[in-house]
Every structure is written in C-alpha cells, then in structure tokens.
C-alpha cells in the first residue's frame, strides 16, 4: 500500500504544496487568527500555513517532525520573525497554554495517533483559546489523487487496498473530524468545507508529481514495476485528458475544517 513519505520538500511543493498554498489563507480566516496572537502550526511541512499565519500579523511558529521540510521552510521564508522547529506533534515541546491558537493543516490524519495529537494541540493552547484543524475530504474531494486511486483499484489489488485505506479514513468523512474534537472535549465546535484549486500545465506536469515517491500515493506509484506503472499511467492520462487536448487543467479539491474552543 505504500508508506507516507515526507523526505523531499521540493517534490512536496509540486505534489501538494501547489494547492495547500491556496488553502492556507482561507484556513487562517476560518481559524480566526488575529494580530499579535501567539499561534502554533503543527505539522508545518514546507511552511505555507506558518507564513499565512504571519501574514495575518500574528506571532507564528511552525513545528514538524521532518528535518528536511523544516530546513526548506526556513530557507524559503523571508520573514525572520517566523520560527520553525523540528519536533514531534505527539509530544509538543511547549508548556501548557503557551499559544492563543493552535492550527494544523493536512497533518492530523497522517499522525500515528490523531487523538493524542489533538490532545497535545489542546494542551498547548490557553483556556478560551482556539484549536483548528483542516484535513482532506478523501471520500469525494481529493480529485488529483482519486484519479490515480480509482484507476489503480481496477488494475491492482495493492492499488485497491490503497484506495480503500485512503477513502475510509474516518476524519475524511462529514463530521468525522468534528466528532474527534467533541471527544477531546472542545466547546463550540464548528465544521466547514473549504476548497482549493490544484493547477497543472500538462499531463506530464501532473503525472510527474507522483514519480517523486512522496506521500502514500507517490510511494505506491514508484513501487510498481515499469509495465504496471505504464499501464496505470495510460488510464490516468485518459482521465486527465477527458477526450480533450493535453494542456492546463485546474482540479478542484475540498477539505473539512473544524475549530473548537478550549474550555475556560
């Protein structure tokens, strides 16, 4: 089925970053980030959300377990006031109540323990503060990837297993993330759907994002023998083109965003 791989930040930028950079400002607005607040971005990756938090005039800190991602985020971030650290989302290196808000974008569902991760986010957020999380709508809103999954599921048992694993994640379904917030004890839990567009210049541009081995889908594609990968590529190409000439495509995606207040 492939593991979730997070080793190549430049590859990630083409793979997911081209959409998450558009999602980040909308998520910051949803989370209600205000000027001068101390805000933590958990699972910051290449830093799109961390920079969007800073653009809202907040004091922004990003933390991620992947040292290559953190190094990349530091390198491409011009604002010296933004802090990036290598650290574990399941054991955040901050005291209780250190932040006014704690946010996480496209990371909670790939943690080994989502409940523990959300509890840690609650712990480091002050009473009356807000925790907000956004995850993929895997069931029906992850178009660039479902084009691959649906073809793979027909061609290959491993591909079918990957598709079923991704689509069945409870946090990727309506109210799944909101229920987790209620379980962890947040008040005033709000769920909304956010969207972002992934733009590609050509099928080659699109398909190349899966050939770097990043994420579970990329890891699966690169694990295939040449003949199987070629067969998958032919079917995915047909889905990308839809009978039209090759060229730019804008694929829409949707996400579940949930925020909740830490009890006073």
C-alpha atoms as a PDB file:
ATOM      1  CA  UNK A   1       0.000   0.000   0.000  1.00  0.00           C
ATOM      2  CA  UNK A   2       2.979   2.297   0.482  1.00  0.00           C
ATOM      3  CA  UNK A   3       4.041   4.399   3.421  1.00  0.00           C
ATOM      4  CA  UNK A   4       3.554   8.115   3.907  1.00  0.00           C
ATOM      5  CA  UNK A   5       6.925   9.535   2.835  1.00  0.00           C
ATOM      6  CA  UNK A   6       7.995  13.074   3.779  1.00  0.00           C
ATOM      7  CA  UNK A   7      11.632  13.415   2.761  1.00  0.00           C
ATOM      8  CA  UNK A   8      11.761  15.691  -0.278  1.00  0.00           C
ATOM      9  CA  UNK A   9      10.311  19.187   0.299  1.00  0.00           C
ATOM     10  CA  UNK A  10      10.882  20.357  -3.286  1.00  0.00           C
ATOM     11  CA  UNK A  11       8.909  17.346  -4.537  1.00  0.00           C
ATOM     12  CA  UNK A  12       6.168  18.008  -1.969  1.00  0.00           C
ATOM     13  CA  UNK A  13       5.726  21.527  -3.322  1.00  0.00           C
ATOM     14  CA  UNK A  14       4.653  20.136  -6.686  1.00  0.00           C
ATOM     15  CA  UNK A  15       2.744  17.248  -5.127  1.00  0.00           C
ATOM     16  CA  UNK A  16       0.542  19.009  -2.528  1.00  0.00           C
ATOM     17  CA  UNK A  17       2.107  22.443  -1.998  1.00  0.00           C
ATOM     18  CA  UNK A  18       0.584  23.849  -5.210  1.00  0.00           C
ATOM     19  CA  UNK A  19      -2.842  23.506  -3.562  1.00  0.00           C
ATOM     20  CA  UNK A  20      -2.054  23.965   0.122  1.00  0.00           C
ATOM     21  CA  UNK A  21      -0.585  27.427  -0.507  1.00  0.00           C
ATOM     22  CA  UNK A  22      -4.069  28.453  -1.697  1.00  0.00           C
ATOM     23  CA  UNK A  23      -5.823  26.648   1.128  1.00  0.00           C
ATOM     24  CA  UNK A  24      -3.714  28.248   3.889  1.00  0.00           C
ATOM     25  CA  UNK A  25      -5.123  31.830   3.821  1.00  0.00           C
ATOM     26  CA  UNK A  26      -8.715  30.550   3.789  1.00  0.00           C
ATOM     27  CA  UNK A  27      -7.939  28.286   6.736  1.00  0.00           C
ATOM     28  CA  UNK A  28      -6.335  31.170   8.673  1.00  0.00           C
ATOM     29  CA  UNK A  29      -9.544  33.177   8.196  1.00  0.00           C
ATOM     30  CA  UNK A  30     -11.651  30.205   9.311  1.00  0.00           C
ATOM     31  CA  UNK A  31      -9.484  29.809  12.425  1.00  0.00           C
ATOM     32  CA  UNK A  32      -9.988  33.487  13.330  1.00  0.00           C
ATOM     33  CA  UNK A  33      -6.301  34.363  13.671  1.00  0.00           C
ATOM     34  CA  UNK A  34      -5.837  37.916  14.945  1.00  0.00           C
ATOM     35  CA  UNK A  35      -2.917  40.346  15.128  1.00  0.00           C
ATOM     36  CA  UNK A  36      -0.294  39.767  17.812  1.00  0.00           C
ATOM     37  CA  UNK A  37      -1.650  36.366  18.889  1.00  0.00           C
ATOM     38  CA  UNK A  38       0.844  33.584  19.516  1.00  0.00           C
ATOM     39  CA  UNK A  39      -0.118  30.886  17.007  1.00  0.00           C
ATOM     40  CA  UNK A  40       1.395  27.427  16.528  1.00  0.00           C
ATOM     41  CA  UNK A  41       1.273  25.484  13.234  1.00  0.00           C
ATOM     42  CA  UNK A  42       1.534  21.731  13.986  1.00  0.00           C
ATOM     43  CA  UNK A  43       2.900  19.634  11.126  1.00  0.00           C
ATOM     44  CA  UNK A  44       4.007  22.762   9.283  1.00  0.00           C
ATOM     45  CA  UNK A  45       5.678  20.939   6.382  1.00  0.00           C
ATOM     46  CA  UNK A  46       7.129  23.459   3.925  1.00  0.00           C
ATOM     47  CA  UNK A  47       5.578  26.382   5.809  1.00  0.00           C
ATOM     48  CA  UNK A  48       2.610  27.614   3.747  1.00  0.00           C
ATOM     49  CA  UNK A  49       0.290  27.823   6.761  1.00  0.00           C
ATOM     50  CA  UNK A  50       3.005  29.228   9.040  1.00  0.00           C
ATOM     51  CA  UNK A  51       3.592  32.066   6.585  1.00  0.00           C
ATOM     52  CA  UNK A  52      -0.154  32.676   6.159  1.00  0.00           C
ATOM     53  CA  UNK A  53      -0.484  32.988   9.953  1.00  0.00           C
ATOM     54  CA  UNK A  54       2.305  35.576   9.960  1.00  0.00           C
ATOM     55  CA  UNK A  55       0.579  37.419   7.092  1.00  0.00           C
ATOM     56  CA  UNK A  56      -2.355  37.896   9.495  1.00  0.00           C
ATOM     57  CA  UNK A  57       0.090  39.788  11.777  1.00  0.00           C
ATOM     58  CA  UNK A  58       0.229  37.009  14.362  1.00  0.00           C
ATOM     59  CA  UNK A  59       3.383  35.670  16.050  1.00  0.00           C
ATOM     60  CA  UNK A  60       3.838  32.483  14.038  1.00  0.00           C
ATOM     61  CA  UNK A  61       5.676  29.267  14.960  1.00  0.00           C
ATOM     62  CA  UNK A  62       5.801  26.112  12.819  1.00  0.00           C
ATOM     63  CA  UNK A  63       6.840  22.665  14.009  1.00  0.00           C
ATOM     64  CA  UNK A  64       7.321  19.450  12.006  1.00  0.00           C
ATOM     65  CA  UNK A  65       8.979  16.083  12.560  1.00  0.00           C
ATOM     66  CA  UNK A  66      10.687  16.176   9.134  1.00  0.00           C
ATOM     67  CA  UNK A  67      14.032  17.976   9.367  1.00  0.00           C
ATOM     68  CA  UNK A  68      14.305  18.378   5.544  1.00  0.00           C
ATOM     69  CA  UNK A  69      10.886  20.085   5.454  1.00  0.00           C
ATOM     70  CA  UNK A  70      11.783  22.424   8.311  1.00  0.00           C
ATOM     71  CA  UNK A  71      15.119  23.320   6.707  1.00  0.00           C
ATOM     72  CA  UNK A  72      13.326  24.046   3.420  1.00  0.00           C
ATOM     73  CA  UNK A  73      10.688  26.169   5.191  1.00  0.00           C
ATOM     74  CA  UNK A  74      13.412  28.255   6.850  1.00  0.00           C
ATOM     75  CA  UNK A  75      15.218  28.693   3.544  1.00  0.00           C
ATOM     76  CA  UNK A  76      12.207  29.945   1.576  1.00  0.00           C
ATOM     77  CA  UNK A  77      10.711  32.128   4.327  1.00  0.00           C
ATOM     78  CA  UNK A  78      11.798  35.741   4.114  1.00  0.00           C
ATOM     79  CA  UNK A  79      10.247  36.897   7.410  1.00  0.00           C
ATOM     80  CA  UNK A  80      12.854  36.457  10.186  1.00  0.00           C
ATOM     81  CA  UNK A  81      10.128  36.730  12.832  1.00  0.00           C
ATOM     82  CA  UNK A  82       8.700  33.333  11.833  1.00  0.00           C
ATOM     83  CA  UNK A  83      10.108  30.435  13.865  1.00  0.00           C
ATOM     84  CA  UNK A  84      10.433  26.871  12.546  1.00  0.00           C
ATOM     85  CA  UNK A  85      11.373  23.930  14.774  1.00  0.00           C
ATOM     86  CA  UNK A  86      11.853  20.192  14.337  1.00  0.00           C
ATOM     87  CA  UNK A  87       9.609  18.437  16.832  1.00  0.00           C
ATOM     88  CA  UNK A  88       7.016  15.735  17.463  1.00  0.00           C
ATOM     89  CA  UNK A  89       3.308  16.621  17.193  1.00  0.00           C
ATOM     90  CA  UNK A  90       2.563  13.848  19.708  1.00  0.00           C
ATOM     91  CA  UNK A  91       4.888  15.389  22.312  1.00  0.00           C
ATOM     92  CA  UNK A  92       4.978  19.134  21.685  1.00  0.00           C
ATOM     93  CA  UNK A  93       7.934  20.880  23.398  1.00  0.00           C
ATOM     94  CA  UNK A  94       5.827  23.701  24.860  1.00  0.00           C
ATOM     95  CA  UNK A  95       4.269  24.364  28.269  1.00  0.00           C
ATOM     96  CA  UNK A  96       0.527  24.235  28.843  1.00  0.00           C
ATOM     97  CA  UNK A  97      -1.343  27.231  27.427  1.00  0.00           C
ATOM     98  CA  UNK A  98       1.627  28.645  25.508  1.00  0.00           C
ATOM     99  CA  UNK A  99      -0.449  29.779  22.491  1.00  0.00           C
ATOM    100  CA  UNK A 100      -3.669  31.671  21.843  1.00  0.00           C
ATOM    101  CA  UNK A 101      -4.409  29.442  18.841  1.00  0.00           C
ATOM    102  CA  UNK A 102      -3.027  26.178  17.529  1.00  0.00           C
ATOM    103  CA  UNK A 103      -3.621  25.186  13.904  1.00  0.00           C
ATOM    104  CA  UNK A 104      -2.847  22.135  11.790  1.00  0.00           C
ATOM    105  CA  UNK A 105      -3.282  21.755   8.030  1.00  0.00           C
ATOM    106  CA  UNK A 106      -3.303  18.374   6.250  1.00  0.00           C
ATOM    107  CA  UNK A 107      -1.313  16.708   9.028  1.00  0.00           C
ATOM    108  CA  UNK A 108      -3.524  15.370  11.835  1.00  0.00           C
ATOM    109  CA  UNK A 109      -4.827  12.421   9.815  1.00  0.00           C
ATOM    110  CA  UNK A 110      -1.312  11.180   8.966  1.00  0.00           C
ATOM    111  CA  UNK A 111      -0.139  11.146  12.584  1.00  0.00           C
ATOM    112  CA  UNK A 112       0.251   7.699  14.178  1.00  0.00           C
ATOM    113  CA  UNK A 113      -2.277   8.777  16.852  1.00  0.00           C
ATOM    114  CA  UNK A 114      -4.710  11.551  15.857  1.00  0.00           C
ATOM    115  CA  UNK A 115      -6.398  11.633  19.281  1.00  0.00           C
ATOM    116  CA  UNK A 116      -3.103  12.158  21.093  1.00  0.00           C
ATOM    117  CA  UNK A 117      -2.086  14.774  18.524  1.00  0.00           C
ATOM    118  CA  UNK A 118      -5.287  16.767  19.039  1.00  0.00           C
ATOM    119  CA  UNK A 119      -4.949  16.485  22.830  1.00  0.00           C
ATOM    120  CA  UNK A 120      -1.436  17.899  22.588  1.00  0.00           C
ATOM    121  CA  UNK A 121      -2.774  20.790  20.487  1.00  0.00           C
ATOM    122  CA  UNK A 122      -5.396  21.447  23.157  1.00  0.00           C
ATOM    123  CA  UNK A 123      -2.798  21.262  25.951  1.00  0.00           C
ATOM    124  CA  UNK A 124      -0.521  23.941  24.493  1.00  0.00           C
ATOM    125  CA  UNK A 125      -3.474  26.292  23.801  1.00  0.00           C
ATOM    126  CA  UNK A 126      -4.635  28.603  26.585  1.00  0.00           C
ATOM    127  CA  UNK A 127      -8.078  28.299  28.135  1.00  0.00           C
ATOM    128  CA  UNK A 128     -10.587  30.095  25.967  1.00  0.00           C
ATOM    129  CA  UNK A 129      -8.215  29.774  23.035  1.00  0.00           C
ATOM    130  CA  UNK A 130      -8.970  28.060  19.725  1.00  0.00           C
ATOM    131  CA  UNK A 131      -7.672  24.918  18.054  1.00  0.00           C
ATOM    132  CA  UNK A 132      -8.406  24.499  14.335  1.00  0.00           C
ATOM    133  CA  UNK A 133      -7.619  21.607  12.011  1.00  0.00           C
ATOM    134  CA  UNK A 134      -8.177  21.036   8.292  1.00  0.00           C
ATOM    135  CA  UNK A 135      -7.982  17.604   6.651  1.00  0.00           C
ATOM    136  CA  UNK A 136      -8.655  16.217   3.184  1.00  0.00           C
ATOM    137  CA  UNK A 137     -12.143  15.263   2.093  1.00  0.00           C
ATOM    138  CA  UNK A 138     -10.753  11.931   0.926  1.00  0.00           C
ATOM    139  CA  UNK A 139     -14.120  10.455   0.008  1.00  0.00           C
ATOM    140  CA  UNK A 140     -15.069  12.911  -2.697  1.00  0.00           C
ATOM    141  CA  UNK A 141     -12.822  15.962  -2.652  1.00  0.00           C
ATOM    142  CA  UNK A 142      -9.268  14.848  -3.423  1.00  0.00           C
ATOM    143  CA  UNK A 143      -9.527  14.874  -7.220  1.00  0.00           C
ATOM    144  CA  UNK A 144      -5.850  14.858  -8.345  1.00  0.00           C
ATOM    145  CA  UNK A 145      -5.277  11.765  -6.235  1.00  0.00           C
ATOM    146  CA  UNK A 146      -8.560   9.931  -6.733  1.00  0.00           C
ATOM    147  CA  UNK A 147      -7.861   9.881 -10.493  1.00  0.00           C
ATOM    148  CA  UNK A 148      -4.907   7.648  -9.620  1.00  0.00           C
ATOM    149  CA  UNK A 149      -6.626   5.621  -6.881  1.00  0.00           C
ATOM    150  CA  UNK A 150      -9.664   4.738  -8.963  1.00  0.00           C
ATOM    151  CA  UNK A 151      -7.563   3.509 -11.873  1.00  0.00           C
ATOM    152  CA  UNK A 152      -5.161   1.663  -9.566  1.00  0.00           C
ATOM    153  CA  UNK A 153      -8.031  -0.061  -7.769  1.00  0.00           C
ATOM    154  CA  UNK A 154      -9.205  -1.661 -11.029  1.00  0.00           C
ATOM    155  CA  UNK A 155      -5.730  -2.703 -12.158  1.00  0.00           C
ATOM    156  CA  UNK A 156      -4.104  -3.967  -8.992  1.00  0.00           C
ATOM    157  CA  UNK A 157      -5.072  -5.489  -5.620  1.00  0.00           C
ATOM    158  CA  UNK A 158      -2.477  -3.319  -3.869  1.00  0.00           C
ATOM    159  CA  UNK A 159      -3.964  -0.282  -5.605  1.00  0.00           C
ATOM    160  CA  UNK A 160      -7.431  -1.261  -4.423  1.00  0.00           C
ATOM    161  CA  UNK A 161      -6.135  -1.621  -0.877  1.00  0.00           C
ATOM    162  CA  UNK A 162      -4.510   1.818  -1.060  1.00  0.00           C
ATOM    163  CA  UNK A 163      -7.718   3.397  -2.379  1.00  0.00           C
ATOM    164  CA  UNK A 164      -9.816   1.740   0.324  1.00  0.00           C
ATOM    165  CA  UNK A 165      -7.406   2.763   3.082  1.00  0.00           C
ATOM    166  CA  UNK A 166      -7.344   6.407   1.996  1.00  0.00           C
ATOM    167  CA  UNK A 167     -11.064   6.762   1.323  1.00  0.00           C
ATOM    168  CA  UNK A 168     -12.180   5.014   4.525  1.00  0.00           C
ATOM    169  CA  UNK A 169     -10.272   7.314   6.893  1.00  0.00           C
ATOM    170  CA  UNK A 170     -12.963   8.484   9.353  1.00  0.00           C
ATOM    171  CA  UNK A 171     -11.520  12.008   9.581  1.00  0.00           C
ATOM    172  CA  UNK A 172     -12.071  12.434   5.824  1.00  0.00           C
ATOM    173  CA  UNK A 173     -15.841  11.990   6.047  1.00  0.00           C
ATOM    174  CA  UNK A 174     -18.513  14.539   7.064  1.00  0.00           C
ATOM    175  CA  UNK A 175     -18.479  15.158  10.845  1.00  0.00           C
ATOM    176  CA  UNK A 176     -15.540  12.779  11.361  1.00  0.00           C
ATOM    177  CA  UNK A 177     -13.124  15.489  12.480  1.00  0.00           C
ATOM    178  CA  UNK A 178     -15.869  17.319  14.409  1.00  0.00           C
ATOM    179  CA  UNK A 179     -16.600  14.138  16.389  1.00  0.00           C
ATOM    180  CA  UNK A 180     -12.914  13.873  17.290  1.00  0.00           C
ATOM    181  CA  UNK A 181     -12.993  17.473  18.582  1.00  0.00           C
ATOM    182  CA  UNK A 182     -16.025  16.632  20.733  1.00  0.00           C
ATOM    183  CA  UNK A 183     -14.300  13.501  22.069  1.00  0.00           C
ATOM    184  CA  UNK A 184     -11.251  15.526  23.109  1.00  0.00           C
ATOM    185  CA  UNK A 185     -13.518  17.966  24.978  1.00  0.00           C
ATOM    186  CA  UNK A 186     -13.639  21.169  22.912  1.00  0.00           C
ATOM    187  CA  UNK A 187     -16.529  23.604  23.194  1.00  0.00           C
ATOM    188  CA  UNK A 188     -18.351  25.440  20.374  1.00  0.00           C
ATOM    189  CA  UNK A 189     -17.143  23.034  17.679  1.00  0.00           C
ATOM    190  CA  UNK A 190     -17.713  24.355  14.138  1.00  0.00           C
ATOM    191  CA  UNK A 191     -17.246  22.406  10.893  1.00  0.00           C
ATOM    192  CA  UNK A 192     -16.991  23.977   7.441  1.00  0.00           C
ATOM    193  CA  UNK A 193     -15.888  22.883   3.993  1.00  0.00           C
ATOM    194  CA  UNK A 194     -13.004  24.755   2.378  1.00  0.00           C
ATOM    195  CA  UNK A 195     -11.776  24.417  -1.193  1.00  0.00           C
ATOM    196  CA  UNK A 196      -8.612  24.914  -3.228  1.00  0.00           C
ATOM    197  CA  UNK A 197      -7.606  24.501  -6.859  1.00  0.00           C
ATOM    198  CA  UNK A 198      -4.640  22.400  -7.974  1.00  0.00           C
ATOM    199  CA  UNK A 199      -3.322  23.698 -11.303  1.00  0.00           C
ATOM    200  CA  UNK A 200      -1.221  21.685 -13.743  1.00  0.00           C
ATOM    201  CA  UNK A 201       0.342  22.796 -17.028  1.00  0.00           C
ATOM    202  CA  UNK A 202       0.067  19.406 -18.739  1.00  0.00           C
ATOM    203  CA  UNK A 203      -0.401  15.717 -18.067  1.00  0.00           C
ATOM    204  CA  UNK A 204       3.374  15.390 -17.758  1.00  0.00           C
ATOM    205  CA  UNK A 205       3.390  18.096 -15.078  1.00  0.00           C
ATOM    206  CA  UNK A 206       0.589  16.285 -13.247  1.00  0.00           C
ATOM    207  CA  UNK A 207       1.978  12.750 -13.525  1.00  0.00           C
ATOM    208  CA  UNK A 208       5.494  13.826 -12.542  1.00  0.00           C
ATOM    209  CA  UNK A 209       4.233  14.742  -9.078  1.00  0.00           C
ATOM    210  CA  UNK A 210       3.641  11.043  -8.337  1.00  0.00           C
ATOM    211  CA  UNK A 211       7.076   9.947  -9.556  1.00  0.00           C
ATOM    212  CA  UNK A 212       8.995  11.518  -6.662  1.00  0.00           C
ATOM    213  CA  UNK A 213       7.687   8.957  -4.154  1.00  0.00           C
ATOM    214  CA  UNK A 214       6.204  11.491  -1.733  1.00  0.00           C
ATOM    215  CA  UNK A 215       3.102  10.618   0.303  1.00  0.00           C
ATOM    216  CA  UNK A 216       1.284   7.298   0.157  1.00  0.00           C
ATOM    217  CA  UNK A 217       0.126   7.716  -3.428  1.00  0.00           C
ATOM    218  CA  UNK A 218       3.580   8.628  -4.725  1.00  0.00           C
ATOM    219  CA  UNK A 219       5.108   5.803  -2.718  1.00  0.00           C
ATOM    220  CA  UNK A 220       2.639   3.373  -4.311  1.00  0.00           C
ATOM    221  CA  UNK A 221       3.212   4.613  -7.873  1.00  0.00           C
ATOM    222  CA  UNK A 222       7.005   4.401  -7.587  1.00  0.00           C
ATOM    223  CA  UNK A 223       6.782   0.896  -6.072  1.00  0.00           C
ATOM    224  CA  UNK A 224       5.197  -0.526  -9.250  1.00  0.00           C
ATOM    225  CA  UNK A 225       7.156  -2.429 -11.881  1.00  0.00           C
ATOM    226  CA  UNK A 226       7.641  -0.472 -15.115  1.00  0.00           C
ATOM    227  CA  UNK A 227       4.972  -2.396 -17.011  1.00  0.00           C
ATOM    228  CA  UNK A 228       2.350  -1.926 -14.272  1.00  0.00           C
ATOM    229  CA  UNK A 229       3.231   1.728 -13.836  1.00  0.00           C
ATOM    230  CA  UNK A 230       2.951   2.256 -17.590  1.00  0.00           C
ATOM    231  CA  UNK A 231      -0.496   0.663 -17.634  1.00  0.00           C
ATOM    232  CA  UNK A 232      -1.620   2.840 -14.739  1.00  0.00           C
ATOM    233  CA  UNK A 233      -0.240   5.934 -16.475  1.00  0.00           C
ATOM    234  CA  UNK A 234      -2.234   5.197 -19.637  1.00  0.00           C
ATOM    235  CA  UNK A 235      -5.503   5.001 -17.715  1.00  0.00           C
ATOM    236  CA  UNK A 236      -4.779   8.063 -15.590  1.00  0.00           C
ATOM    237  CA  UNK A 237      -3.796  10.012 -18.713  1.00  0.00           C
ATOM    238  CA  UNK A 238      -7.219   9.257 -20.207  1.00  0.00           C
ATOM    239  CA  UNK A 239      -8.894  10.529 -17.020  1.00  0.00           C
ATOM    240  CA  UNK A 240      -6.784  13.709 -17.036  1.00  0.00           C
ATOM    241  CA  UNK A 241      -7.425  14.440 -20.725  1.00  0.00           C
ATOM    242  CA  UNK A 242     -11.152  13.510 -20.783  1.00  0.00           C
ATOM    243  CA  UNK A 243     -11.023  13.398 -24.580  1.00  0.00           C
ATOM    244  CA  UNK A 244      -9.560  16.898 -24.854  1.00  0.00           C
ATOM    245  CA  UNK A 245      -6.133  18.016 -25.996  1.00  0.00           C
ATOM    246  CA  UNK A 246      -3.340  17.881 -23.458  1.00  0.00           C
ATOM    247  CA  UNK A 247      -2.703  21.135 -21.637  1.00  0.00           C
ATOM    248  CA  UNK A 248      -3.510  23.008 -18.446  1.00  0.00           C
ATOM    249  CA  UNK A 249      -6.067  21.627 -16.001  1.00  0.00           C
ATOM    250  CA  UNK A 250      -7.451  23.099 -12.779  1.00  0.00           C
ATOM    251  CA  UNK A 251      -8.617  20.307 -10.480  1.00  0.00           C
ATOM    252  CA  UNK A 252     -10.821  21.306  -7.564  1.00  0.00           C
ATOM    253  CA  UNK A 253     -10.349  19.844  -4.100  1.00  0.00           C
ATOM    254  CA  UNK A 254     -12.293  20.130  -0.861  1.00  0.00           C
ATOM    255  CA  UNK A 255     -11.365  19.861   2.800  1.00  0.00           C
ATOM    256  CA  UNK A 256     -13.031  19.531   6.194  1.00  0.00           C
ATOM    257  CA  UNK A 257     -12.112  22.389   8.530  1.00  0.00           C
ATOM    258  CA  UNK A 258     -13.054  22.230  12.212  1.00  0.00           C
ATOM    259  CA  UNK A 259     -12.383  24.636  15.048  1.00  0.00           C
ATOM    260  CA  UNK A 260     -13.159  24.404  18.740  1.00  0.00           C
ATOM    261  CA  UNK A 261     -12.591  26.382  21.924  1.00  0.00           C
ATOM    262  CA  UNK A 262     -10.509  25.122  24.831  1.00  0.00           C
ATOM    263  CA  UNK A 263     -12.804  25.136  27.917  1.00  0.00           C
ATOM    264  CA  UNK A 264     -12.130  28.016  30.306  1.00  0.00           C
END
